[in-house]
């Protein structure tokens, strides 16, 4: 099977279950589709790393004076950038699927990655001035993916909600993004923010690349595949999910559902109006709603404690009583989501030209 490319879970609105969804879909696809999946934790809060890897591994990665680990974090991968070099190393020590119950490979995050924001902003400004070094640093993730994409069927990124230089550089490199949403007005605003932000920097990117090409064509060709030549192949939109809301019944009357249902009605139009220009061909707006995420109540903290995907929780992890029904509901959801997402990725991958 041809590689599906790279996919970023991204939304400007926090608190929508993005990390939980990214890690669980990565595990489900690895298991059911027999994919070799890599999860890259590019959120400086490192929630995906803490969810997937056992406690003893994260203690080695982060605790001062802790033992030596045989796994690199994203900080180690990006250390050349922190030192002012535009070239990344090529020997990355990545945690394999045997290291965790999710059955996926992991490039752990690190809080120090946040320190790259100022440097990446400076390099972006240099890129806008037709500087080749600025173009290369702004494309660090393009360079990283050129090293990794032949080794994995699917590379999934978990990022924070920021519209900053770090996330811009990540989206420059990835093929696709999807947006987990809440059922609230702030999620609608978040989608509009994402669209305006992506549209702006993509236009700037194409203008700057044309200037870099005119001034440094011979040198640029030396870095073939490490600097993207057009923004049209970056971060194409492949779908969204919506968190289900909980209805409350007071004196036999359901409350607050009207407001939620009004937002649900607005979401497809907002998606079409805002993110329509970024939809991955040959997809249409009707292909984009990937599913409604059910509330998991106590299953999420249980899965976090056990460092296991929700669909793999067992009685040994503390699963009991009504939680089994919640788990079955989640398994139905994650199965339908995986099917829709794989359909969209496969259809687009057939037309993708990097």
Protein backbone atom coordinates (compact mmCIF):
# COMPACT_ATOMS: atom_id res chain seq x y z
CA UNK A 1 0.00 0.00 0.00
CA UNK A 2 1.28 3.48 -0.87
CA UNK A 3 2.19 5.76 2.04
CA UNK A 4 -0.68 7.99 3.15
CA UNK A 5 1.57 10.93 4.02
CA UNK A 6 1.49 13.17 7.09
CA UNK A 7 -1.53 14.41 9.02
CA UNK A 8 -1.76 17.12 11.68
CA UNK A 9 -4.54 17.29 14.28
CA UNK A 10 -5.02 21.03 14.67
CA UNK A 11 -7.47 23.58 16.00
CA UNK A 12 -7.10 27.10 17.32
CA UNK A 13 -9.59 26.17 20.08
CA UNK A 14 -8.20 24.18 23.01
CA UNK A 15 -10.07 21.69 25.16
CA UNK A 16 -11.68 19.79 22.27
CA UNK A 17 -10.07 16.41 22.96
CA UNK A 18 -7.54 16.80 20.16
CA UNK A 19 -4.70 14.86 21.80
CA UNK A 20 -6.95 12.03 22.98
CA UNK A 21 -8.41 11.71 19.48
CA UNK A 22 -5.03 11.85 17.71
CA UNK A 23 -3.49 9.15 19.91
CA UNK A 24 -6.51 6.87 19.79
CA UNK A 25 -6.97 7.07 16.02
CA UNK A 26 -3.24 6.46 15.54
CA UNK A 27 -3.50 3.29 17.63
CA UNK A 28 -6.71 2.11 15.95
CA UNK A 29 -5.28 2.55 12.44
CA UNK A 30 -2.07 0.79 13.39
CA UNK A 31 -4.05 -2.18 14.70
CA UNK A 32 -6.92 -2.51 12.22
CA UNK A 33 -5.25 -1.27 9.02
CA UNK A 34 -1.85 -2.83 9.86
CA UNK A 35 -0.18 0.54 9.32
CA UNK A 36 3.25 1.54 10.53
CA UNK A 37 2.23 4.77 12.29
CA UNK A 38 4.49 7.44 13.78
CA UNK A 39 3.11 9.97 16.26
CA UNK A 40 5.09 13.23 16.50
CA UNK A 41 4.30 15.21 19.64
CA UNK A 42 4.92 18.82 18.58
CA UNK A 43 2.91 20.40 21.40
CA UNK A 44 5.26 21.87 24.04
CA UNK A 45 2.80 20.67 26.70
CA UNK A 46 3.71 17.09 25.67
CA UNK A 47 0.30 15.63 26.52
CA UNK A 48 0.49 13.02 23.75
CA UNK A 49 3.86 11.80 25.00
CA UNK A 50 2.55 11.49 28.55
CA UNK A 51 -0.53 9.62 27.36
CA UNK A 52 1.23 7.09 25.15
CA UNK A 53 4.55 6.35 26.85
CA UNK A 54 4.88 4.62 30.24
CA UNK A 55 5.69 6.78 33.26
CA UNK A 56 9.21 5.41 33.57
CA UNK A 57 10.03 6.49 30.01
CA UNK A 58 8.72 10.04 30.46
CA UNK A 59 10.65 10.31 33.73
CA UNK A 60 13.84 9.49 31.81
CA UNK A 61 12.97 12.05 29.18
CA UNK A 62 12.09 14.98 31.43
CA UNK A 63 13.16 14.57 35.06
CA UNK A 64 16.38 16.49 35.96
CA UNK A 65 19.14 14.04 36.80
CA UNK A 66 17.07 11.04 35.65
CA UNK A 67 18.55 8.04 33.88
CA UNK A 68 19.72 8.00 30.29
CA UNK A 69 17.12 7.19 27.65
CA UNK A 70 17.70 5.61 24.25
CA UNK A 71 14.93 7.72 22.71
CA UNK A 72 15.32 11.23 21.29
CA UNK A 73 12.71 13.87 21.97
CA UNK A 74 11.76 16.51 19.41
CA UNK A 75 14.12 18.81 21.31
CA UNK A 76 17.10 16.64 20.34
CA UNK A 77 15.90 16.46 16.72
CA UNK A 78 15.63 20.26 16.53
CA UNK A 79 18.79 21.02 18.50
CA UNK A 80 20.65 22.12 15.32
CA UNK A 81 18.03 24.86 14.83
CA UNK A 82 18.53 26.08 18.39
CA UNK A 83 22.26 26.27 17.62
CA UNK A 84 21.69 28.25 14.42
CA UNK A 85 22.11 25.46 11.86
CA UNK A 86 19.56 24.88 9.08
CA UNK A 87 20.40 21.18 8.63
CA UNK A 88 18.90 18.54 10.92
CA UNK A 89 20.67 15.36 11.85
CA UNK A 90 19.47 12.16 10.19
CA UNK A 91 19.88 9.52 12.92
CA UNK A 92 16.74 9.87 15.00
CA UNK A 93 16.18 7.43 17.87
CA UNK A 94 12.41 6.95 17.89
CA UNK A 95 10.41 4.89 20.38
CA UNK A 96 9.05 1.86 18.52
CA UNK A 97 5.57 0.30 18.74
CA UNK A 98 6.87 -2.26 21.26
CA UNK A 99 7.47 0.58 23.75
CA UNK A 100 3.79 1.28 24.43
CA UNK A 101 0.31 -0.22 24.48
CA UNK A 102 -0.83 2.00 21.61
CA UNK A 103 1.28 -0.05 19.20
CA UNK A 104 2.69 3.02 17.46
CA UNK A 105 6.09 4.65 17.07
CA UNK A 106 6.55 7.91 18.96
CA UNK A 107 8.78 10.95 18.58
CA UNK A 108 8.25 12.48 22.05
CA UNK A 109 7.68 16.16 22.59
CA UNK A 110 9.62 18.44 24.90
CA UNK A 111 8.68 21.74 26.60
CA UNK A 112 11.89 23.36 25.34
CA UNK A 113 10.53 23.20 21.79
CA UNK A 114 8.56 26.33 22.73
CA UNK A 115 11.89 28.19 22.78
CA UNK A 116 11.99 27.87 18.99
CA UNK A 117 9.13 30.33 18.50
CA UNK A 118 11.33 33.46 18.43
CA UNK A 119 14.00 31.87 16.25
CA UNK A 120 11.42 30.58 13.76
CA UNK A 121 9.79 34.03 13.64
CA UNK A 122 13.17 35.59 12.86
CA UNK A 123 13.89 33.01 10.15
CA UNK A 124 10.45 33.57 8.65
CA UNK A 125 11.19 37.29 8.39
CA UNK A 126 14.51 36.45 6.74
CA UNK A 127 12.71 34.10 4.33
CA UNK A 128 10.35 36.94 3.42
CA UNK A 129 13.48 38.89 2.49
CA UNK A 130 14.54 36.14 0.03
CA UNK A 131 17.11 34.59 2.39
CA UNK A 132 17.86 30.94 1.55
CA UNK A 133 18.74 30.07 5.15
CA UNK A 134 15.42 31.49 6.30
CA UNK A 135 13.61 29.36 3.73
CA UNK A 136 15.43 26.21 4.90
CA UNK A 137 14.77 26.76 8.60
CA UNK A 138 11.11 27.58 7.92
CA UNK A 139 11.01 24.19 6.14
CA UNK A 140 12.61 22.18 8.98
CA UNK A 141 9.56 19.91 9.09
CA UNK A 142 9.72 19.40 5.32
CA UNK A 143 13.30 18.25 5.86
CA UNK A 144 12.34 15.98 8.77
CA UNK A 145 9.50 14.37 6.82
CA UNK A 146 11.79 13.76 3.84
CA UNK A 147 13.86 11.62 6.23
CA UNK A 148 10.92 9.81 7.85
CA UNK A 149 8.21 9.35 5.20
CA UNK A 150 9.79 6.29 3.60
CA UNK A 151 9.79 4.49 6.97
CA UNK A 152 6.13 4.95 7.94
CA UNK A 153 2.74 4.50 6.29
CA UNK A 154 1.26 7.46 8.18
CA UNK A 155 2.86 10.20 10.29
CA UNK A 156 0.51 11.97 12.70
CA UNK A 157 1.31 15.29 14.40
CA UNK A 158 -0.27 16.54 17.60
CA UNK A 159 0.21 20.30 18.05
CA UNK A 160 -0.96 23.01 20.42
CA UNK A 161 -3.72 25.52 19.58
CA UNK A 162 -1.29 28.36 18.78
CA UNK A 163 -1.30 30.33 15.53
CA UNK A 164 2.41 30.94 15.88
CA UNK A 165 5.70 30.31 14.11
CA UNK A 166 6.13 26.75 15.42
CA UNK A 167 2.79 25.51 14.14
CA UNK A 168 3.24 27.38 10.87
CA UNK A 169 6.53 25.56 10.27
CA UNK A 170 4.86 22.22 11.08
CA UNK A 171 1.99 22.86 8.67
CA UNK A 172 4.43 23.89 5.94
CA UNK A 173 5.79 20.34 6.02
CA UNK A 174 2.66 18.20 6.50
CA UNK A 175 0.40 17.00 3.71
CA UNK A 176 -2.93 17.22 5.55
CA UNK A 177 -4.69 18.50 8.64
CA UNK A 178 -7.96 17.71 10.34
CA UNK A 179 -9.81 19.80 12.92
CA UNK A 180 -11.37 18.30 16.06
CA UNK A 181 -14.08 20.75 17.14
CA UNK A 182 -16.25 21.38 20.16
CA UNK A 183 -19.91 22.24 19.81
CA UNK A 184 -19.53 25.89 20.83
CA UNK A 185 -19.20 29.32 19.33
CA UNK A 186 -15.47 29.44 20.10
CA UNK A 187 -14.84 26.45 17.84
CA UNK A 188 -16.52 28.31 14.99
CA UNK A 189 -14.31 31.33 15.66
CA UNK A 190 -11.29 29.02 15.84
CA UNK A 191 -12.03 27.66 12.36
CA UNK A 192 -12.29 31.19 10.97
CA UNK A 193 -8.99 32.10 12.66
CA UNK A 194 -7.24 29.07 11.17
CA UNK A 195 -8.47 29.90 7.67
CA UNK A 196 -7.39 33.54 7.79
CA UNK A 197 -4.00 32.62 9.25
CA UNK A 198 -3.23 29.83 6.74
CA UNK A 199 -4.38 31.94 3.81
CA UNK A 200 -2.10 34.79 4.85
CA UNK A 201 1.12 32.83 5.35
CA UNK A 202 0.56 30.66 2.28
CA UNK A 203 0.38 33.77 0.11
CA UNK A 204 3.52 35.16 1.73
CA UNK A 205 5.27 31.81 1.29
CA UNK A 206 4.71 31.68 -2.45
CA UNK A 207 5.91 35.25 -2.93
CA UNK A 208 9.03 34.65 -0.84
CA UNK A 209 9.84 31.35 -2.54
CA UNK A 210 9.71 33.01 -5.96
CA UNK A 211 12.26 35.59 -4.78
CA UNK A 212 14.51 32.92 -3.25
CA UNK A 213 14.37 30.94 -6.48
CA UNK A 214 15.29 33.96 -8.58
CA UNK A 215 18.30 34.74 -6.37
CA UNK A 216 19.51 31.31 -5.24
CA UNK A 217 18.28 28.83 -7.85
CA UNK A 218 21.51 26.80 -8.02
CA UNK A 219 21.87 26.59 -4.24
CA UNK A 220 18.18 25.81 -3.77
CA UNK A 221 18.44 22.82 -6.07
CA UNK A 222 21.04 21.32 -3.73
CA UNK A 223 18.30 20.96 -1.13
CA UNK A 224 15.79 19.21 -3.37
CA UNK A 225 12.83 17.95 -1.37
CA UNK A 226 13.79 19.97 1.72
CA UNK A 227 12.14 23.25 0.69
CA UNK A 228 8.62 23.10 -0.70
CA UNK A 229 8.19 25.00 -3.95
CA UNK A 230 4.49 25.80 -3.60
CA UNK A 231 2.02 26.25 -0.75
CA UNK A 232 -0.68 24.33 -2.65
CA UNK A 233 0.70 21.00 -1.37
CA UNK A 234 0.82 22.09 2.28
CA UNK A 235 -1.67 21.20 4.99
CA UNK A 236 -4.67 20.32 2.88
CA UNK A 237 -7.90 19.90 4.83
CA UNK A 238 -9.31 16.37 5.07
CA UNK A 239 -12.04 16.60 7.69
CA UNK A 240 -13.35 17.50 11.12
CA UNK A 241 -15.04 15.95 14.12
CA UNK A 242 -17.50 17.48 16.58
CA UNK A 243 -17.70 16.70 20.28
CA UNK A 244 -21.18 15.59 21.28
CA UNK A 245 -22.87 17.67 23.91
CA UNK A 246 -24.67 16.33 26.97
CA UNK A 247 -28.36 17.15 27.25
CA UNK A 248 -29.72 17.91 30.71
CA UNK A 249 -33.27 17.05 31.65
CA UNK A 250 -34.85 19.27 34.30
CA UNK A 251 -38.47 18.58 35.27
CA UNK A 252 -38.86 16.38 32.20
CA UNK A 253 -37.60 19.19 29.96
CA UNK A 254 -34.35 19.08 27.98
CA UNK A 255 -32.37 22.27 28.49
CA UNK A 256 -29.76 24.10 26.42
CA UNK A 257 -30.07 21.84 23.40
CA UNK A 258 -31.39 24.62 21.21
CA UNK A 259 -28.17 26.62 21.36
CA UNK A 260 -26.05 23.57 20.65
CA UNK A 261 -28.19 22.47 17.74
CA UNK A 262 -28.00 25.95 16.25
CA UNK A 263 -24.19 25.74 16.34
CA UNK A 264 -24.32 22.28 14.76
CA UNK A 265 -26.32 23.75 11.89
CA UNK A 266 -23.73 26.50 11.41
CA UNK A 267 -20.66 24.27 11.36
CA UNK A 268 -20.90 22.91 7.76
CA UNK A 269 -21.32 26.41 6.31
CA UNK A 270 -18.46 27.79 8.41
CA UNK A 271 -16.25 24.91 7.29
CA UNK A 272 -17.18 25.50 3.66
CA UNK A 273 -16.78 29.28 3.80
CA UNK A 274 -13.54 29.29 5.78
CA UNK A 275 -11.67 26.10 4.90
CA UNK A 276 -13.15 25.40 1.49
CA UNK A 277 -10.07 26.75 -0.36
CA UNK A 278 -7.85 24.32 1.53
CA UNK A 279 -9.83 21.11 1.00
CA UNK A 280 -7.65 18.29 -0.31
CA UNK A 281 -8.63 17.32 -3.86
CA UNK A 282 -10.69 15.48 -4.94
CA UNK A 283 -12.71 15.83 -1.71
CA UNK A 284 -15.84 17.95 -1.38
CA UNK A 285 -17.48 19.57 1.64
CA UNK A 286 -19.77 16.56 1.98
CA UNK A 287 -16.77 14.30 2.62
CA UNK A 288 -15.39 16.31 5.52
CA UNK A 289 -17.56 15.49 8.55
CA UNK A 290 -15.75 12.46 9.91
CA UNK A 291 -17.89 11.80 12.99
CA UNK A 292 -19.27 13.04 16.31
CA UNK A 293 -17.04 12.29 19.29
CA UNK A 294 -19.04 10.76 22.17
CA UNK A 295 -18.47 11.88 25.76
CA UNK A 296 -16.27 9.35 27.52
CA UNK A 297 -16.79 10.56 31.10
CA UNK A 298 -14.43 8.49 33.29
CA UNK A 299 -12.84 6.54 30.42
CA UNK A 300 -10.41 9.31 29.49
CA UNK A 301 -8.69 9.57 32.89
CA UNK A 302 -8.70 5.77 33.11
CA UNK A 303 -6.95 5.51 29.74
CA UNK A 304 -4.49 8.20 30.77
CA UNK A 305 -3.57 6.35 33.94
CA UNK A 306 -3.19 3.05 32.08
CA UNK A 307 -1.36 4.63 29.11
CA UNK A 308 -3.59 2.70 26.75
CA UNK A 309 -6.08 3.56 23.98
CA UNK A 310 -9.71 3.56 25.03
CA UNK A 311 -10.63 0.62 22.81
CA UNK A 312 -7.96 -1.54 24.53
CA UNK A 313 -8.97 -0.86 28.14
CA UNK A 314 -9.73 -4.01 30.17
CA UNK A 315 -10.89 -4.93 33.64
CA UNK A 316 -7.24 -5.07 34.71
CA UNK A 317 -7.05 -1.36 33.96
CA UNK A 318 -10.07 -0.70 36.18
CA UNK A 319 -12.80 -0.88 33.53
CA UNK A 320 -16.07 -1.82 35.20
CA UNK A 321 -19.85 -1.55 35.14
CA UNK A 322 -21.35 0.97 32.74
CA UNK A 323 -17.91 1.80 31.39
CA UNK A 324 -18.06 -1.26 29.15
CA UNK A 325 -21.06 0.23 27.34
CA UNK A 326 -19.24 3.56 27.00
CA UNK A 327 -16.26 1.71 25.58
CA UNK A 328 -18.43 -0.09 23.01
CA UNK A 329 -19.91 3.26 21.99
CA UNK A 330 -16.40 4.65 21.54
CA UNK A 331 -15.30 1.62 19.53
CA UNK A 332 -18.20 2.19 17.13
CA UNK A 333 -17.23 5.84 16.80
CA UNK A 334 -13.50 5.26 16.30
CA UNK A 335 -14.22 2.54 13.73
CA UNK A 336 -16.46 4.84 11.70
CA UNK A 337 -13.96 7.70 12.03
CA UNK A 338 -11.09 5.49 10.88
CA UNK A 339 -13.08 4.35 7.83
CA UNK A 340 -13.98 7.92 6.81
CA UNK A 341 -10.49 9.26 7.43
CA UNK A 342 -8.80 6.44 5.51
CA UNK A 343 -11.19 6.97 2.60
CA UNK A 344 -10.29 10.66 2.41
CA UNK A 345 -6.56 10.09 2.81
CA UNK A 346 -6.46 7.34 0.19
CA UNK A 347 -8.45 9.34 -2.33
CA UNK A 348 -6.23 12.37 -1.91
CA UNK A 349 -2.98 10.36 -1.82
CA UNK A 350 -3.79 9.04 -5.28
CA UNK A 351 -3.62 12.60 -6.62
CA UNK A 352 -0.86 13.97 -4.40
CA UNK A 353 2.21 15.37 -6.08
CA UNK A 354 4.89 16.71 -3.71
